[in-house]
Amino acid sequence: MAGPAVPIEVDPETGIWRTDGLPMIDLPRHFLVNIQKSLEDAIGADRFRGIMSGSADLSALQWCRAEAKTHGLSPVETFRHYLRTCPVHLRSRDTLQFFI
């Protein structure tokens, strides 16, 4: 398997990883999965799902705003850009394509 399909920039001063200008966190999958399972056990699956859905929506909005600013995109262009670039891991396997 090749490296990531997206460029990762590392700030030489801080060590912060960025993709598309946004800071990223690299952590082991089991760490994130265990946190999610513990939260779901503590507050219930439905409540956890609602929290995650709201967080995912906010994250998508923040990414879209950053990309629109970076690339000077209109709202429609931003939406098209989002559909082209977000499912990169699926597109790279030819399992998903979005067209407008």
C-alpha atoms as a PDB file:
ATOM      1  CA  MET A   1       0.000   0.000   0.000  1.00  0.00           C
ATOM      2  CA  ALA A   2       1.235   3.467  -0.878  1.00  0.00           C
ATOM      3  CA  GLY A   3       1.366   6.417   1.501  1.00  0.00           C
ATOM      4  CA  PRO A   4      -1.570   8.718   2.263  1.00  0.00           C
ATOM      5  CA  ALA A   5      -3.525  10.061  -0.725  1.00  0.00           C
ATOM      6  CA  VAL A   6      -3.478  13.549   0.804  1.00  0.00           C
ATOM      7  CA  PRO A   7      -0.409  15.679   1.483  1.00  0.00           C
ATOM      8  CA  ILE A   8       0.622  15.970   5.128  1.00  0.00           C
ATOM      9  CA  GLU A   9       2.600  19.060   6.084  1.00  0.00           C
ATOM     10  CA  VAL A  10       4.547  19.031   9.341  1.00  0.00           C
ATOM     11  CA  ASP A  11       5.380  22.359  10.976  1.00  0.00           C
ATOM     12  CA  PRO A  12       9.131  22.217  11.756  1.00  0.00           C
ATOM     13  CA  GLU A  13       8.694  24.495  14.793  1.00  0.00           C
ATOM     14  CA  THR A  14       5.699  22.841  16.485  1.00  0.00           C
ATOM     15  CA  GLY A  15       5.507  19.383  14.918  1.00  0.00           C
ATOM     16  CA  ILE A  16       1.801  19.947  14.159  1.00  0.00           C
ATOM     17  CA  TRP A  17       0.570  17.912  11.198  1.00  0.00           C
ATOM     18  CA  ARG A  18      -1.695  19.693   8.710  1.00  0.00           C
ATOM     19  CA  THR A  19      -3.745  18.553   5.751  1.00  0.00           C
ATOM     20  CA  ASP A  20      -5.437  21.197   3.604  1.00  0.00           C
ATOM     21  CA  GLY A  21      -4.178  23.748   6.129  1.00  0.00           C
ATOM     22  CA  LEU A  22      -6.125  22.172   9.007  1.00  0.00           C
ATOM     23  CA  PRO A  23      -4.354  20.644  12.033  1.00  0.00           C
ATOM     24  CA  MET A  24      -4.578  16.847  12.234  1.00  0.00           C
ATOM     25  CA  ILE A  25      -4.036  14.275  14.974  1.00  0.00           C
ATOM     26  CA  ASP A  26      -2.463  10.897  14.283  1.00  0.00           C
ATOM     27  CA  LEU A  27      -3.357   8.308  16.889  1.00  0.00           C
ATOM     28  CA  PRO A  28      -3.704   4.537  17.060  1.00  0.00           C
ATOM     29  CA  ARG A  29      -7.087   3.244  15.902  1.00  0.00           C
ATOM     30  CA  HIS A  30      -7.598   1.152  19.055  1.00  0.00           C
ATOM     31  CA  PHE A  31      -7.235   4.287  21.193  1.00  0.00           C
ATOM     32  CA  LEU A  32     -10.058   6.095  19.381  1.00  0.00           C
ATOM     33  CA  VAL A  33     -12.254   2.965  19.237  1.00  0.00           C
ATOM     34  CA  ASN A  34     -11.851   2.338  22.971  1.00  0.00           C
ATOM     35  CA  ILE A  35     -12.758   5.944  23.800  1.00  0.00           C
ATOM     36  CA  GLN A  36     -15.839   5.746  21.603  1.00  0.00           C
ATOM     37  CA  LYS A  37     -16.944   2.425  23.133  1.00  0.00           C
ATOM     38  CA  SER A  38     -16.472   3.762  26.658  1.00  0.00           C
ATOM     39  CA  LEU A  39     -18.511   6.875  25.898  1.00  0.00           C
ATOM     40  CA  GLU A  40     -21.261   4.834  24.254  1.00  0.00           C
ATOM     41  CA  ASP A  41     -21.384   2.519  27.287  1.00  0.00           C
ATOM     42  CA  ALA A  42     -21.558   5.502  29.650  1.00  0.00           C
ATOM     43  CA  ILE A  43     -24.243   7.579  27.903  1.00  0.00           C
ATOM     44  CA  GLY A  44     -25.990   5.103  25.598  1.00  0.00           C
ATOM     45  CA  ALA A  45     -25.774   4.452  21.876  1.00  0.00           C
ATOM     46  CA  ASP A  46     -28.513   6.895  20.818  1.00  0.00           C
ATOM     47  CA  ARG A  47     -27.125   9.826  22.789  1.00  0.00           C
ATOM     48  CA  PHE A  48     -23.588   9.069  21.604  1.00  0.00           C
ATOM     49  CA  ARG A  49     -24.776   8.875  17.980  1.00  0.00           C
ATOM     50  CA  GLY A  50     -26.506  12.257  18.330  1.00  0.00           C
ATOM     51  CA  ILE A  51     -23.387  13.885  19.758  1.00  0.00           C
ATOM     52  CA  MET A  52     -21.166  12.402  17.054  1.00  0.00           C
ATOM     53  CA  SER A  53     -23.566  13.443  14.302  1.00  0.00           C
ATOM     54  CA  GLY A  54     -23.529  17.067  15.484  1.00  0.00           C
ATOM     55  CA  SER A  55     -19.743  17.006  15.797  1.00  0.00           C
ATOM     56  CA  ALA A  56     -19.337  15.520  12.310  1.00  0.00           C
ATOM     57  CA  ASP A  57     -21.646  18.177  10.841  1.00  0.00           C
ATOM     58  CA  LEU A  58     -19.639  20.953  12.514  1.00  0.00           C
ATOM     59  CA  SER A  59     -16.354  19.435  11.331  1.00  0.00           C
ATOM     60  CA  ALA A  60     -17.598  19.247   7.731  1.00  0.00           C
ATOM     61  CA  LEU A  61     -18.732  22.882   7.932  1.00  0.00           C
ATOM     62  CA  GLN A  62     -15.358  24.008   9.318  1.00  0.00           C
ATOM     63  CA  TRP A  63     -13.509  22.117   6.573  1.00  0.00           C
ATOM     64  CA  CYS A  64     -15.746  23.588   3.874  1.00  0.00           C
ATOM     65  CA  ARG A  65     -15.259  27.131   5.182  1.00  0.00           C
ATOM     66  CA  ALA A  66     -11.469  26.670   5.299  1.00  0.00           C
ATOM     67  CA  GLU A  67     -11.382  25.201   1.768  1.00  0.00           C
ATOM     68  CA  ALA A  68     -13.634  27.952   0.385  1.00  0.00           C
ATOM     69  CA  LYS A  69     -11.327  30.593   1.863  1.00  0.00           C
ATOM     70  CA  THR A  70      -8.123  28.843   0.752  1.00  0.00           C
ATOM     71  CA  HIS A  71      -9.270  28.246  -2.820  1.00  0.00           C
ATOM     72  CA  GLY A  72     -11.674  31.185  -3.294  1.00  0.00           C
ATOM     73  CA  LEU A  73     -14.634  28.869  -3.898  1.00  0.00           C
ATOM     74  CA  SER A  74     -18.308  29.791  -4.138  1.00  0.00           C
ATOM     75  CA  PRO A  75     -20.772  27.762  -2.035  1.00  0.00           C
ATOM     76  CA  VAL A  76     -21.642  25.488  -4.989  1.00  0.00           C
ATOM     77  CA  GLU A  77     -17.954  25.065  -5.903  1.00  0.00           C
ATOM     78  CA  THR A  78     -17.209  24.234  -2.247  1.00  0.00           C
ATOM     79  CA  PHE A  79     -19.896  21.549  -2.250  1.00  0.00           C
ATOM     80  CA  ARG A  80     -18.494  20.009  -5.424  1.00  0.00           C
ATOM     81  CA  HIS A  81     -14.964  20.200  -3.980  1.00  0.00           C
ATOM     82  CA  TYR A  82     -16.176  18.482  -0.789  1.00  0.00           C
ATOM     83  CA  LEU A  83     -17.731  15.608  -2.724  1.00  0.00           C
ATOM     84  CA  ARG A  84     -14.576  15.253  -4.839  1.00  0.00           C
ATOM     85  CA  THR A  85     -12.059  15.300  -2.012  1.00  0.00           C
ATOM     86  CA  CYS A  86     -13.624  14.033   1.230  1.00  0.00           C
ATOM     87  CA  PRO A  87     -14.253  10.439   0.192  1.00  0.00           C
ATOM     88  CA  VAL A  88     -10.639  10.122  -1.039  1.00  0.00           C
ATOM     89  CA  HIS A  89     -10.155   6.772   0.696  1.00  0.00           C
ATOM     90  CA  LEU A  90     -13.232   5.373  -1.055  1.00  0.00           C
ATOM     91  CA  ARG A  91     -12.455   6.921  -4.436  1.00  0.00           C
ATOM     92  CA  SER A  92      -8.934   5.516  -4.369  1.00  0.00           C
ATOM     93  CA  ARG A  93     -10.468   2.030  -4.321  1.00  0.00           C
ATOM     94  CA  ASP A  94     -13.007   2.893  -7.052  1.00  0.00           C
ATOM     95  CA  THR A  95     -15.869   2.109  -4.699  1.00  0.00           C
ATOM     96  CA  LEU A  96     -17.494   5.531  -4.582  1.00  0.00           C
ATOM     97  CA  GLN A  97     -17.794   8.498  -6.917  1.00  0.00           C
ATOM     98  CA  PHE A  98     -20.013  11.567  -6.630  1.00  0.00           C
ATOM     99  CA  PHE A  99     -21.112  13.591  -9.646  1.00  0.00           C
ATOM    100  CA  ILE A 100     -23.190  16.757  -9.885  1.00  0.00           C
END
